[in-house]
């Protein structure tokens, strides 16, 4: 599927975005481990979340769908999952694979986590190595580094882990494994990462101790309370609409009901440092997560330097940040973001290549990139490289580029933002 965009003259209106992908994954997994049914409202029906749902069903968890965005997960308890009869298909979802590895490592069953080509390139040794230190038996290809993964569940022992790279997926994997381990499992982060797992575990009755960047859980845990979850709109999805409104002249939009957990909103800090006008309205707490409506107006942006602790809080938003930087006055320099090299694609290389094809002045660095702006962009046919984040960035670029822009392979956008083209067209009138 291709997505064609024409230049927009103005963006106006109020929109919402689909449910938060990170929260949906965790609500499904913890719902499947709980004692009793958990209701999930605002379920993100994306390719990645369907991978998690399918794995749970293969493990014997019953999941009903009483509404388009509502699921009822009938948990089987921490020890009620059954051994799967076939491989567990994680499709393209790194979150599914890493969190599932943590949950299966301490269960007495045999399982295989398979992956499609894109996921088979993503490093899994960052969870395999610490899980093995807890007593897990895991085999993977390329020297126990890459998917697929074979897990033979074993008794686990708590361990003290220091993460060289801030990663919510790795942290969550180890804390979830700690539910089954004997003794205390401690995770020491190198920087702040999203904390949805810790919040949800506490909501289900598990004592997760957090002090700064150090988190611990003492197991084995015998019981998880059932918990209904209202999933807020995904900030990472809202990011594309935010930047679109900042860049298209004369625009003002409101993106309603967006999760604004501070471990996720590094992009807001970066954009505000660049001169963005973004207001949080109707701030509230829903199910333990901060939520707000975001009002965004067009603004003149200036270049900035980005690095350090803000990087893990905006790790999914760097492609769209790069686009914003092409229209900012002066130089924008991103460093300390080498993690971008091992996402769905090498997001440094693919972002630089795609934006250059539209006329941007952008140079890659080993751990980021440098952008010089403002630079007029020209429409072209550009490849989304199978990466939903990059494909949406290029679609937004099409709203400000001269002439038509066609994003090739735009079907990957459904991994996180089904209906993206329609939502963009709702405020822009230019998506086809």
Protein backbone atom coordinates (compact mmCIF):
# COMPACT_ATOMS: atom_id res chain seq x y z
CA UNK A 1 0.00 0.00 0.00
CA UNK A 2 1.22 3.48 -0.87
CA UNK A 3 0.16 6.74 0.76
CA UNK A 4 0.13 9.92 -1.33
CA UNK A 5 0.21 13.38 0.22
CA UNK A 6 -0.20 16.86 -1.25
CA UNK A 7 1.01 20.08 0.39
CA UNK A 8 -1.37 21.33 3.09
CA UNK A 9 -2.27 24.97 3.48
CA UNK A 10 -3.50 24.70 7.05
CA UNK A 11 -4.27 22.05 9.67
CA UNK A 12 -7.30 22.50 11.88
CA UNK A 13 -9.49 20.40 14.12
CA UNK A 14 -9.63 18.10 17.09
CA UNK A 15 -8.54 14.49 16.71
CA UNK A 16 -7.64 11.49 18.82
CA UNK A 17 -5.00 8.86 18.26
CA UNK A 18 -5.17 5.09 18.84
CA UNK A 19 -4.40 3.59 22.23
CA UNK A 20 -0.88 3.50 23.59
CA UNK A 21 1.04 0.55 22.17
CA UNK A 22 3.33 0.04 25.18
CA UNK A 23 0.43 0.09 27.63
CA UNK A 24 -1.69 -2.22 25.47
CA UNK A 25 1.07 -4.85 25.35
CA UNK A 26 1.49 -4.77 29.13
CA UNK A 27 -2.23 -4.73 29.88
CA UNK A 28 -2.63 -7.87 27.77
CA UNK A 29 0.29 -9.73 29.32
CA UNK A 30 -0.50 -8.88 32.93
CA UNK A 31 -4.19 -9.48 32.33
CA UNK A 32 -3.32 -12.97 31.14
CA UNK A 33 -1.37 -13.60 34.38
CA UNK A 34 -3.99 -12.22 36.74
CA UNK A 35 -6.50 -14.11 38.82
CA UNK A 36 -9.77 -13.30 37.12
CA UNK A 37 -10.95 -11.17 34.20
CA UNK A 38 -9.44 -7.81 33.26
CA UNK A 39 -11.15 -5.37 30.92
CA UNK A 40 -9.05 -3.31 28.52
CA UNK A 41 -10.72 -0.22 27.02
CA UNK A 42 -8.89 1.69 24.30
CA UNK A 43 -7.13 -1.47 23.04
CA UNK A 44 -4.76 -0.69 20.16
CA UNK A 45 -5.71 -3.07 17.36
CA UNK A 46 -2.33 -2.91 15.63
CA UNK A 47 -0.09 -5.57 14.14
CA UNK A 48 2.31 -5.51 17.09
CA UNK A 49 -0.43 -5.79 19.73
CA UNK A 50 -2.15 -8.56 17.81
CA UNK A 51 1.13 -10.50 18.05
CA UNK A 52 0.97 -10.33 21.85
CA UNK A 53 -2.72 -11.27 21.81
CA UNK A 54 -2.02 -14.28 19.60
CA UNK A 55 0.78 -15.52 21.85
CA UNK A 56 -1.48 -15.32 24.89
CA UNK A 57 -4.23 -17.29 23.16
CA UNK A 58 -1.68 -19.96 22.21
CA UNK A 59 -0.80 -20.18 25.92
CA UNK A 60 -4.43 -20.88 26.81
CA UNK A 61 -5.62 -17.39 27.79
CA UNK A 62 -9.21 -16.70 26.74
CA UNK A 63 -9.72 -13.23 25.26
CA UNK A 64 -13.11 -11.87 24.27
CA UNK A 65 -13.86 -8.73 22.27
CA UNK A 66 -17.17 -7.17 23.32
CA UNK A 67 -16.38 -3.92 21.45
CA UNK A 68 -14.11 -2.58 18.70
CA UNK A 69 -11.62 -1.18 21.24
CA UNK A 70 -12.54 -3.34 24.24
CA UNK A 71 -11.09 -6.68 25.30
CA UNK A 72 -11.93 -8.95 28.19
CA UNK A 73 -8.87 -10.97 29.19
CA UNK A 74 -9.66 -13.99 31.36
CA UNK A 75 -6.45 -14.42 33.30
CA UNK A 76 -5.21 -17.90 34.20
CA UNK A 77 -2.98 -16.80 37.07
CA UNK A 78 0.79 -16.70 37.31
CA UNK A 79 1.04 -20.49 36.99
CA UNK A 80 -1.90 -21.30 34.72
CA UNK A 81 -0.47 -20.85 31.23
CA UNK A 82 -0.31 -24.10 29.26
CA UNK A 83 2.60 -25.22 27.13
CA UNK A 84 2.00 -24.06 23.53
CA UNK A 85 1.45 -26.72 20.87
CA UNK A 86 3.22 -24.66 18.21
CA UNK A 87 5.71 -21.81 18.00
CA UNK A 88 4.69 -18.45 19.46
CA UNK A 89 4.65 -15.94 16.62
CA UNK A 90 5.96 -12.52 17.68
CA UNK A 91 5.68 -11.35 14.04
CA UNK A 92 7.55 -7.99 14.01
CA UNK A 93 7.07 -6.96 17.63
CA UNK A 94 10.22 -6.62 19.73
CA UNK A 95 8.12 -5.80 22.80
CA UNK A 96 6.21 -9.06 22.45
CA UNK A 97 9.38 -11.12 22.14
CA UNK A 98 11.37 -9.51 24.95
CA UNK A 99 8.57 -9.36 27.51
CA UNK A 100 7.35 -12.84 26.65
CA UNK A 101 10.90 -14.18 27.11
CA UNK A 102 10.93 -12.85 30.65
CA UNK A 103 7.60 -14.46 31.47
CA UNK A 104 8.39 -17.84 29.93
CA UNK A 105 11.94 -18.24 31.29
CA UNK A 106 10.72 -19.23 34.76
CA UNK A 107 7.73 -21.37 33.73
CA UNK A 108 8.11 -25.16 33.45
CA UNK A 109 7.38 -25.41 29.74
CA UNK A 110 9.06 -25.54 26.35
CA UNK A 111 8.45 -22.67 23.94
CA UNK A 112 9.82 -21.17 20.74
CA UNK A 113 9.49 -17.46 19.94
CA UNK A 114 9.60 -16.92 16.18
CA UNK A 115 9.90 -13.66 14.25
CA UNK A 116 9.48 -12.21 10.79
CA UNK A 117 12.55 -10.93 8.94
CA UNK A 118 12.57 -7.44 10.42
CA UNK A 119 12.48 -8.72 14.01
CA UNK A 120 15.08 -11.40 13.29
CA UNK A 121 17.65 -8.60 12.90
CA UNK A 122 17.05 -7.13 16.37
CA UNK A 123 19.45 -8.09 19.19
CA UNK A 124 18.01 -10.39 21.83
CA UNK A 125 21.25 -11.05 23.71
CA UNK A 126 20.43 -8.01 25.82
CA UNK A 127 17.67 -10.11 27.44
CA UNK A 128 19.16 -13.57 26.93
CA UNK A 129 22.37 -12.76 28.82
CA UNK A 130 20.75 -11.41 32.02
CA UNK A 131 18.03 -14.07 31.97
CA UNK A 132 20.71 -16.75 31.70
CA UNK A 133 22.41 -15.21 34.74
CA UNK A 134 19.14 -15.90 36.60
CA UNK A 135 19.24 -19.56 35.57
CA UNK A 136 17.22 -19.45 32.33
CA UNK A 137 17.88 -21.91 29.52
CA UNK A 138 17.58 -20.05 26.22
CA UNK A 139 19.02 -20.76 22.78
CA UNK A 140 19.05 -18.40 19.80
CA UNK A 141 20.92 -18.13 16.53
CA UNK A 142 24.13 -16.22 15.77
CA UNK A 143 25.80 -17.02 19.06
CA UNK A 144 22.66 -16.66 21.18
CA UNK A 145 22.10 -13.17 19.85
CA UNK A 146 19.28 -13.11 17.30
CA UNK A 147 15.76 -14.59 17.02
CA UNK A 148 14.18 -17.07 16.93
CA UNK A 149 14.54 -18.03 20.59
CA UNK A 150 13.99 -21.42 22.20
CA UNK A 151 13.19 -21.38 25.93
CA UNK A 152 13.13 -24.32 28.30
CA UNK A 153 11.59 -22.95 31.49
CA UNK A 154 13.68 -23.35 34.63
CA UNK A 155 13.65 -22.30 38.27
CA UNK A 156 15.11 -18.80 38.44
CA UNK A 157 17.14 -16.97 41.06
CA UNK A 158 16.94 -13.24 41.63
CA UNK A 159 19.93 -11.26 40.38
CA UNK A 160 21.28 -7.73 40.28
CA UNK A 161 21.35 -6.37 36.73
CA UNK A 162 23.02 -3.21 35.45
CA UNK A 163 21.73 -2.19 32.01
CA UNK A 164 24.38 -0.66 29.70
CA UNK A 165 21.62 0.93 27.60
CA UNK A 166 18.39 2.37 28.99
CA UNK A 167 15.62 0.10 27.66
CA UNK A 168 12.09 -0.29 28.95
CA UNK A 169 11.78 -3.61 27.14
CA UNK A 170 14.84 -5.09 28.84
CA UNK A 171 13.91 -3.64 32.23
CA UNK A 172 10.38 -5.01 31.90
CA UNK A 173 11.60 -8.43 30.78
CA UNK A 174 13.78 -8.78 33.88
CA UNK A 175 11.18 -7.48 36.34
CA UNK A 176 8.62 -9.88 34.87
CA UNK A 177 11.08 -12.76 35.17
CA UNK A 178 11.55 -11.63 38.77
CA UNK A 179 7.92 -12.50 39.48
CA UNK A 180 8.95 -16.17 39.23
CA UNK A 181 12.48 -15.93 40.68
CA UNK A 182 13.52 -16.86 44.19
CA UNK A 183 14.78 -13.73 45.95
CA UNK A 184 15.19 -10.16 44.79
CA UNK A 185 15.63 -9.11 41.17
CA UNK A 186 17.13 -5.64 40.81
CA UNK A 187 17.46 -3.63 37.60
CA UNK A 188 19.77 -0.61 37.48
CA UNK A 189 19.15 1.67 34.51
CA UNK A 190 21.69 3.93 32.84
CA UNK A 191 18.95 6.48 32.17
CA UNK A 192 15.19 6.87 32.59
CA UNK A 193 12.94 4.66 30.43
CA UNK A 194 9.17 4.28 30.28
CA UNK A 195 7.74 2.95 33.54
CA UNK A 196 4.41 1.42 32.50
CA UNK A 197 5.39 -2.05 33.73
CA UNK A 198 6.20 -0.82 37.22
CA UNK A 199 2.94 1.16 37.41
CA UNK A 200 0.83 -1.78 36.23
CA UNK A 201 2.48 -4.29 38.55
CA UNK A 202 1.83 -2.02 41.52
CA UNK A 203 -1.77 -1.63 40.38
CA UNK A 204 -2.10 -5.43 40.48
CA UNK A 205 -0.76 -5.72 44.01
CA UNK A 206 2.95 -6.37 43.40
CA UNK A 207 5.45 -4.42 45.48
CA UNK A 208 7.90 -2.91 42.97
CA UNK A 209 10.46 -0.74 44.74
CA UNK A 210 11.85 2.15 42.70
CA UNK A 211 14.47 4.60 43.86
CA UNK A 212 15.75 6.79 41.07
CA UNK A 213 16.98 4.49 38.31
CA UNK A 214 17.00 1.34 40.49
CA UNK A 215 13.98 -0.97 40.48
CA UNK A 216 13.45 -4.27 42.28
CA UNK A 217 10.89 -6.97 42.90
CA UNK A 218 11.12 -9.87 45.34
CA UNK A 219 9.68 -13.21 44.28
CA UNK A 220 8.29 -15.61 43.78
CA UNK A 221 4.97 -13.77 43.51
CA UNK A 222 1.91 -15.98 43.94
CA UNK A 223 -0.94 -13.73 42.85
CA UNK A 224 -1.74 -10.83 40.53
CA UNK A 225 -4.97 -8.92 41.06
CA UNK A 226 -7.24 -8.46 38.06
CA UNK A 227 -7.33 -4.83 36.95
CA UNK A 228 -9.41 -2.94 34.41
CA UNK A 229 -7.28 -0.66 32.23
CA UNK A 230 -8.24 2.46 30.28
CA UNK A 231 -5.54 2.83 27.63
CA UNK A 232 -4.80 6.50 26.80
CA UNK A 233 -3.89 7.73 23.34
CA UNK A 234 -0.32 6.91 22.33
CA UNK A 235 2.02 9.90 22.66
CA UNK A 236 4.33 8.37 20.04
CA UNK A 237 1.44 8.40 17.56
CA UNK A 238 0.41 11.92 18.55
CA UNK A 239 3.97 13.08 17.81
CA UNK A 240 3.35 13.03 14.05
CA UNK A 241 0.28 15.23 14.31
CA UNK A 242 2.07 17.57 16.73
CA UNK A 243 4.98 18.14 14.36
CA UNK A 244 2.65 18.46 11.38
CA UNK A 245 0.78 21.30 13.09
CA UNK A 246 4.05 22.99 14.08
CA UNK A 247 5.30 22.98 10.48
CA UNK A 248 2.21 23.75 8.37
CA UNK A 249 1.60 27.50 8.40
CA UNK A 250 -1.48 28.84 10.21
CA UNK A 251 -2.33 25.56 11.92
CA UNK A 252 -3.96 24.87 15.27
CA UNK A 253 -5.07 21.41 16.37
CA UNK A 254 -6.01 19.62 19.57
CA UNK A 255 -5.01 16.00 20.05
CA UNK A 256 -7.29 14.67 22.76
CA UNK A 257 -6.78 12.09 25.51
CA UNK A 258 -3.03 11.54 25.08
CA UNK A 259 -0.85 9.79 27.66
CA UNK A 260 1.74 12.24 28.97
CA UNK A 261 3.73 9.98 31.25
CA UNK A 262 6.99 11.94 31.79
CA UNK A 263 9.06 8.89 30.86
CA UNK A 264 7.53 9.19 27.36
CA UNK A 265 7.45 12.92 26.63
CA UNK A 266 11.07 13.77 25.90
CA UNK A 267 9.94 15.03 22.47
CA UNK A 268 7.83 17.70 24.16
CA UNK A 269 10.91 18.94 26.00
CA UNK A 270 12.96 18.93 22.80
CA UNK A 271 10.31 20.73 20.74
CA UNK A 272 9.73 23.34 23.42
CA UNK A 273 13.48 23.98 23.51
CA UNK A 274 13.16 24.61 19.76
CA UNK A 275 10.39 27.19 20.33
CA UNK A 276 7.27 25.03 19.91
CA UNK A 277 3.90 26.21 21.22
CA UNK A 278 2.34 23.14 22.84
CA UNK A 279 -0.14 23.41 25.72
CA UNK A 280 -1.38 20.63 27.97
CA UNK A 281 -5.07 21.06 28.75
CA UNK A 282 -7.49 19.09 30.93
CA UNK A 283 -4.66 17.28 32.69
CA UNK A 284 -5.86 14.29 34.67
CA UNK A 285 -4.96 10.83 35.92
CA UNK A 286 -6.59 7.75 34.40
CA UNK A 287 -5.74 4.34 35.80
CA UNK A 288 -2.42 5.50 37.21
CA UNK A 289 -1.27 7.20 34.00
CA UNK A 290 -1.21 10.99 33.44
CA UNK A 291 -3.38 12.08 30.49
CA UNK A 292 -4.00 15.45 28.80
CA UNK A 293 -5.29 17.12 25.66
CA UNK A 294 -2.50 18.68 23.58
CA UNK A 295 -3.12 22.02 21.83
CA UNK A 296 -0.54 22.74 19.13
CA UNK A 297 -0.05 25.89 17.02
CA UNK A 298 2.37 26.64 14.20
CA UNK A 299 5.68 27.97 15.47
CA UNK A 300 9.03 29.18 14.19
CA UNK A 301 11.54 26.60 15.34
CA UNK A 302 15.25 26.97 16.06
CA UNK A 303 17.93 24.31 16.13
CA UNK A 304 19.03 22.71 19.38
CA UNK A 305 21.33 20.06 20.82
CA UNK A 306 19.78 16.81 22.08
CA UNK A 307 21.52 14.14 24.11
CA UNK A 308 21.82 12.57 27.53
CA UNK A 309 18.83 11.65 29.69
CA UNK A 310 16.20 12.96 27.28
CA UNK A 311 17.16 10.40 24.61
CA UNK A 312 15.47 7.29 26.10
CA UNK A 313 12.37 9.39 26.83
CA UNK A 314 11.94 10.08 23.09
CA UNK A 315 13.66 7.09 21.50
CA UNK A 316 10.72 6.36 19.16
CA UNK A 317 10.32 9.98 18.06
CA UNK A 318 13.70 10.76 16.47
CA UNK A 319 12.60 10.36 12.83
CA UNK A 320 9.84 12.96 13.27
CA UNK A 321 12.22 15.15 15.31
CA UNK A 322 14.61 15.03 12.36
CA UNK A 323 11.85 16.28 10.08
CA UNK A 324 11.05 19.15 12.46
CA UNK A 325 14.75 20.04 12.47
CA UNK A 326 14.77 20.40 8.66
CA UNK A 327 12.49 23.43 9.11
CA UNK A 328 14.24 24.91 12.17
CA UNK A 329 16.63 27.85 11.98
CA UNK A 330 20.21 26.67 12.41
CA UNK A 331 21.74 23.35 13.42
CA UNK A 332 20.08 20.54 15.34
CA UNK A 333 22.51 17.98 16.71
CA UNK A 334 21.44 14.59 18.12
CA UNK A 335 23.92 12.45 20.05
CA UNK A 336 23.82 9.56 22.57
CA UNK A 337 21.17 7.83 20.43
CA UNK A 338 23.08 4.80 19.14
CA UNK A 339 20.05 2.70 20.15
CA UNK A 340 18.39 4.00 16.97
CA UNK A 341 20.70 1.73 15.01
CA UNK A 342 18.98 -1.42 16.32
CA UNK A 343 15.29 -0.52 16.13
CA UNK A 344 12.90 -1.84 13.44
CA UNK A 345 15.51 -0.55 10.99
CA UNK A 346 18.79 1.29 11.46
CA UNK A 347 16.79 4.45 12.06
CA UNK A 348 19.78 6.72 11.71
CA UNK A 349 20.62 5.40 8.25
CA UNK A 350 17.04 5.10 6.96
CA UNK A 351 15.96 8.51 8.29
CA UNK A 352 18.99 10.24 6.80
CA UNK A 353 18.55 8.54 3.43
CA UNK A 354 14.82 9.24 3.19
CA UNK A 355 14.98 12.89 4.24
CA UNK A 356 17.90 13.53 1.89
CA UNK A 357 15.73 12.19 -0.93
CA UNK A 358 13.31 15.03 -0.10
CA UNK A 359 16.09 17.63 -0.12
CA UNK A 360 17.02 17.82 3.57
CA UNK A 361 20.52 18.71 4.74
CA UNK A 362 21.16 15.91 7.22
CA UNK A 363 24.30 13.97 8.11
CA UNK A 364 24.56 10.72 10.03
CA UNK A 365 26.73 10.22 13.09
CA UNK A 366 27.51 6.93 14.86
CA UNK A 367 25.07 7.85 17.66
CA UNK A 368 22.68 10.27 15.95
CA UNK A 369 22.59 12.88 13.23
CA UNK A 370 23.02 16.58 12.48
CA UNK A 371 20.43 18.62 10.56
CA UNK A 372 20.89 22.09 9.09
CA UNK A 373 17.77 24.13 8.43
CA UNK A 374 15.52 25.55 7.33
CA UNK A 375 15.54 23.70 4.00
CA UNK A 376 12.65 23.58 1.51
CA UNK A 377 11.62 20.00 0.82
CA UNK A 378 10.55 18.64 -2.56
CA UNK A 379 8.01 15.89 -3.05
CA UNK A 380 9.17 12.51 -4.26
CA UNK A 381 8.42 8.81 -4.05
CA UNK A 382 10.16 7.60 -0.88
CA UNK A 383 10.37 4.17 0.72
CA UNK A 384 9.15 3.68 4.28
CA UNK A 385 11.67 0.81 4.60
CA UNK A 386 9.11 -1.33 6.44
CA UNK A 387 9.38 0.99 9.48
CA UNK A 388 6.12 2.49 10.73
CA UNK A 389 7.87 5.43 12.44
CA UNK A 390 9.76 6.40 9.30
CA UNK A 391 6.74 5.96 7.02
CA UNK A 392 4.62 8.32 9.16
CA UNK A 393 7.45 10.85 9.25
CA UNK A 394 7.60 10.86 5.47
CA UNK A 395 3.83 11.30 5.25
CA UNK A 396 4.07 14.41 7.44
CA UNK A 397 6.94 15.63 5.24
CA UNK A 398 4.55 15.39 2.32
CA UNK A 399 2.37 18.09 3.90
CA UNK A 400 5.16 20.66 3.63
CA UNK A 401 7.07 19.48 0.54
CA UNK A 402 6.61 21.07 -2.90
CA UNK A 403 4.58 18.77 -5.13
CA UNK A 404 3.19 15.36 -4.32
CA UNK A 405 4.90 12.90 -2.01
CA UNK A 406 4.23 9.16 -2.13
CA UNK A 407 5.24 6.93 0.77
CA UNK A 408 5.94 3.46 -0.61
CA UNK A 409 5.12 0.45 1.57
CA UNK A 410 2.90 2.45 3.89
CA UNK A 411 1.10 -0.67 5.12
CA UNK A 412 3.70 -0.93 7.90
CA UNK A 413 2.06 2.10 9.55
CA UNK A 414 -0.62 -0.28 10.86
CA UNK A 415 2.01 -1.72 13.23
CA UNK A 416 1.24 1.19 15.59
CA UNK A 417 -1.27 3.65 14.05
CA UNK A 418 -4.09 1.99 12.11
CA UNK A 419 -6.12 4.70 10.38
CA UNK A 420 -3.20 7.14 10.23
CA UNK A 421 -3.93 8.26 6.67
CA UNK A 422 -7.56 8.98 7.51
CA UNK A 423 -6.61 10.92 10.66
CA UNK A 424 -4.09 13.01 8.76
CA UNK A 425 -6.63 13.62 6.03
CA UNK A 426 -9.18 14.72 8.66
CA UNK A 427 -7.03 17.72 9.65
CA UNK A 428 -5.20 18.25 6.35
CA UNK A 429 -7.49 17.19 3.54
CA UNK A 430 -4.43 15.98 1.60
CA UNK A 431 -4.08 12.24 2.26
CA UNK A 432 -5.24 9.84 -0.44
